[in-house]
């Protein structure tokens, strides 16, 4: 059972939505190589142009930290000024129930 998660809130710069979506698709390929990342989802919020969320889950804190400090996490930091209008918000979550 996964116990830890991240919820990342992203706001694309105006006109950068297609670039953000391409970036998120690339991130998905990087995350597939992370054995400790159990699930990873990137989504855009319907009716809210430029708003995106990433939700990922982990069995333990070690895996979550490895993800944050891994290639995908570093690329998010590196691309932030180019793609995002505001600093992304990263919420550390503890899973309390799941299907």
C-alpha atoms as a PDB file:
ATOM      1  CA  UNK A   1       0.000   0.000   0.000  1.00  0.00           C
ATOM      2  CA  UNK A   2       1.340   3.400  -0.925  1.00  0.00           C
ATOM      3  CA  UNK A   3       1.732   5.719   2.019  1.00  0.00           C
ATOM      4  CA  UNK A   4       3.180   8.939   0.577  1.00  0.00           C
ATOM      5  CA  UNK A   5       2.296  11.250  -2.295  1.00  0.00           C
ATOM      6  CA  UNK A   6       3.007  14.577  -3.882  1.00  0.00           C
ATOM      7  CA  UNK A   7       0.544  17.030  -5.366  1.00  0.00           C
ATOM      8  CA  UNK A   8       2.215  19.673  -7.508  1.00  0.00           C
ATOM      9  CA  UNK A   9       0.270  22.738  -8.680  1.00  0.00           C
ATOM     10  CA  UNK A  10       1.503  24.330 -11.913  1.00  0.00           C
ATOM     11  CA  UNK A  11       0.400  27.497 -13.727  1.00  0.00           C
ATOM     12  CA  UNK A  12       1.637  27.833 -17.305  1.00  0.00           C
ATOM     13  CA  UNK A  13       2.747  31.177 -18.641  1.00  0.00           C
ATOM     14  CA  UNK A  14       0.210  32.494 -21.165  1.00  0.00           C
ATOM     15  CA  UNK A  15       0.810  30.881 -24.545  1.00  0.00           C
ATOM     16  CA  UNK A  16       3.052  28.152 -23.071  1.00  0.00           C
ATOM     17  CA  UNK A  17       0.352  25.519 -22.526  1.00  0.00           C
ATOM     18  CA  UNK A  18       1.460  23.298 -25.417  1.00  0.00           C
ATOM     19  CA  UNK A  19       5.064  23.483 -24.216  1.00  0.00           C
ATOM     20  CA  UNK A  20       4.004  22.588 -20.667  1.00  0.00           C
ATOM     21  CA  UNK A  21       2.068  19.576 -21.926  1.00  0.00           C
ATOM     22  CA  UNK A  22       5.040  18.400 -24.013  1.00  0.00           C
ATOM     23  CA  UNK A  23       7.270  18.896 -20.972  1.00  0.00           C
ATOM     24  CA  UNK A  24       4.918  16.831 -18.799  1.00  0.00           C
ATOM     25  CA  UNK A  25       4.898  14.021 -21.366  1.00  0.00           C
ATOM     26  CA  UNK A  26       8.704  14.008 -21.277  1.00  0.00           C
ATOM     27  CA  UNK A  27       8.623  13.941 -17.480  1.00  0.00           C
ATOM     28  CA  UNK A  28       6.377  10.872 -17.628  1.00  0.00           C
ATOM     29  CA  UNK A  29       9.042   8.996 -19.591  1.00  0.00           C
ATOM     30  CA  UNK A  30      11.660   9.876 -16.963  1.00  0.00           C
ATOM     31  CA  UNK A  31       9.447   8.804 -14.079  1.00  0.00           C
ATOM     32  CA  UNK A  32       8.816   5.404 -15.674  1.00  0.00           C
ATOM     33  CA  UNK A  33      12.431   4.604 -14.805  1.00  0.00           C
ATOM     34  CA  UNK A  34      11.973   5.329 -11.098  1.00  0.00           C
ATOM     35  CA  UNK A  35      11.297   2.042  -9.305  1.00  0.00           C
ATOM     36  CA  UNK A  36      10.006   3.772  -6.159  1.00  0.00           C
ATOM     37  CA  UNK A  37       7.412   5.918  -7.933  1.00  0.00           C
ATOM     38  CA  UNK A  38       4.253   3.796  -7.880  1.00  0.00           C
ATOM     39  CA  UNK A  39       2.002   6.107  -9.895  1.00  0.00           C
ATOM     40  CA  UNK A  40       2.422   9.437 -11.641  1.00  0.00           C
ATOM     41  CA  UNK A  41      -0.339  11.476 -13.252  1.00  0.00           C
ATOM     42  CA  UNK A  42      -0.259  14.875 -14.936  1.00  0.00           C
ATOM     43  CA  UNK A  43      -3.565  16.584 -15.680  1.00  0.00           C
ATOM     44  CA  UNK A  44      -4.938  19.919 -16.760  1.00  0.00           C
ATOM     45  CA  UNK A  45      -7.884  21.404 -14.952  1.00  0.00           C
ATOM     46  CA  UNK A  46     -10.952  21.640 -17.152  1.00  0.00           C
ATOM     47  CA  UNK A  47     -12.241  25.171 -17.615  1.00  0.00           C
ATOM     48  CA  UNK A  48      -9.081  26.690 -16.076  1.00  0.00           C
ATOM     49  CA  UNK A  49      -6.653  27.494 -18.913  1.00  0.00           C
ATOM     50  CA  UNK A  50      -3.021  26.971 -18.018  1.00  0.00           C
ATOM     51  CA  UNK A  51      -3.630  25.166 -14.708  1.00  0.00           C
ATOM     52  CA  UNK A  52      -2.062  21.735 -14.246  1.00  0.00           C
ATOM     53  CA  UNK A  53      -1.597  19.262 -11.428  1.00  0.00           C
ATOM     54  CA  UNK A  54       0.825  16.370 -11.007  1.00  0.00           C
ATOM     55  CA  UNK A  55      -0.038  13.625  -8.523  1.00  0.00           C
ATOM     56  CA  UNK A  56       2.383  10.836  -7.727  1.00  0.00           C
ATOM     57  CA  UNK A  57       2.560   8.118  -5.086  1.00  0.00           C
ATOM     58  CA  UNK A  58       5.320   6.275  -3.229  1.00  0.00           C
ATOM     59  CA  UNK A  59       5.651   3.406  -0.759  1.00  0.00           C
ATOM     60  CA  UNK A  60       7.986   5.320   1.520  1.00  0.00           C
ATOM     61  CA  UNK A  61       9.695   8.632   2.178  1.00  0.00           C
ATOM     62  CA  UNK A  62      12.966   7.380   0.678  1.00  0.00           C
ATOM     63  CA  UNK A  63      11.282   6.853  -2.703  1.00  0.00           C
ATOM     64  CA  UNK A  64       9.562  10.246  -2.525  1.00  0.00           C
ATOM     65  CA  UNK A  65      12.865  12.002  -1.799  1.00  0.00           C
ATOM     66  CA  UNK A  66      14.596  10.054  -4.575  1.00  0.00           C
ATOM     67  CA  UNK A  67      11.927  11.290  -6.981  1.00  0.00           C
ATOM     68  CA  UNK A  68      12.211  14.901  -5.858  1.00  0.00           C
ATOM     69  CA  UNK A  69      15.990  14.792  -6.205  1.00  0.00           C
ATOM     70  CA  UNK A  70      15.963  12.740  -9.408  1.00  0.00           C
ATOM     71  CA  UNK A  71      16.128  13.783 -13.024  1.00  0.00           C
ATOM     72  CA  UNK A  72      12.418  14.639 -13.352  1.00  0.00           C
ATOM     73  CA  UNK A  73      12.421  16.781 -10.209  1.00  0.00           C
ATOM     74  CA  UNK A  74      15.528  18.624 -11.304  1.00  0.00           C
ATOM     75  CA  UNK A  75      14.117  19.304 -14.769  1.00  0.00           C
ATOM     76  CA  UNK A  76      11.016  20.821 -13.208  1.00  0.00           C
ATOM     77  CA  UNK A  77      13.210  23.238 -11.273  1.00  0.00           C
ATOM     78  CA  UNK A  78      15.327  24.032 -14.342  1.00  0.00           C
ATOM     79  CA  UNK A  79      12.320  24.765 -16.598  1.00  0.00           C
ATOM     80  CA  UNK A  80      10.296  26.694 -14.030  1.00  0.00           C
ATOM     81  CA  UNK A  81      11.200  30.229 -15.144  1.00  0.00           C
ATOM     82  CA  UNK A  82      10.693  29.377 -18.815  1.00  0.00           C
ATOM     83  CA  UNK A  83       7.323  27.624 -18.542  1.00  0.00           C
ATOM     84  CA  UNK A  84       5.499  28.672 -15.399  1.00  0.00           C
ATOM     85  CA  UNK A  85       3.907  31.969 -14.391  1.00  0.00           C
ATOM     86  CA  UNK A  86       4.322  31.406 -10.655  1.00  0.00           C
ATOM     87  CA  UNK A  87       6.415  29.123  -8.505  1.00  0.00           C
ATOM     88  CA  UNK A  88       4.937  25.647  -8.428  1.00  0.00           C
ATOM     89  CA  UNK A  89       3.408  24.542  -5.149  1.00  0.00           C
ATOM     90  CA  UNK A  90       4.519  21.140  -3.946  1.00  0.00           C
ATOM     91  CA  UNK A  91       2.296  19.510  -1.330  1.00  0.00           C
ATOM     92  CA  UNK A  92       3.645  16.506   0.574  1.00  0.00           C
ATOM     93  CA  UNK A  93       0.751  14.171   1.316  1.00  0.00           C
ATOM     94  CA  UNK A  94       0.218  11.081   3.444  1.00  0.00           C
ATOM     95  CA  UNK A  95      -2.276   8.639   1.995  1.00  0.00           C
ATOM     96  CA  UNK A  96      -5.046   7.764   4.467  1.00  0.00           C
ATOM     97  CA  UNK A  97      -7.304   5.643   2.209  1.00  0.00           C
ATOM     98  CA  UNK A  98      -7.199   4.149  -1.248  1.00  0.00           C
ATOM     99  CA  UNK A  99      -8.916   1.725  -3.567  1.00  0.00           C
END
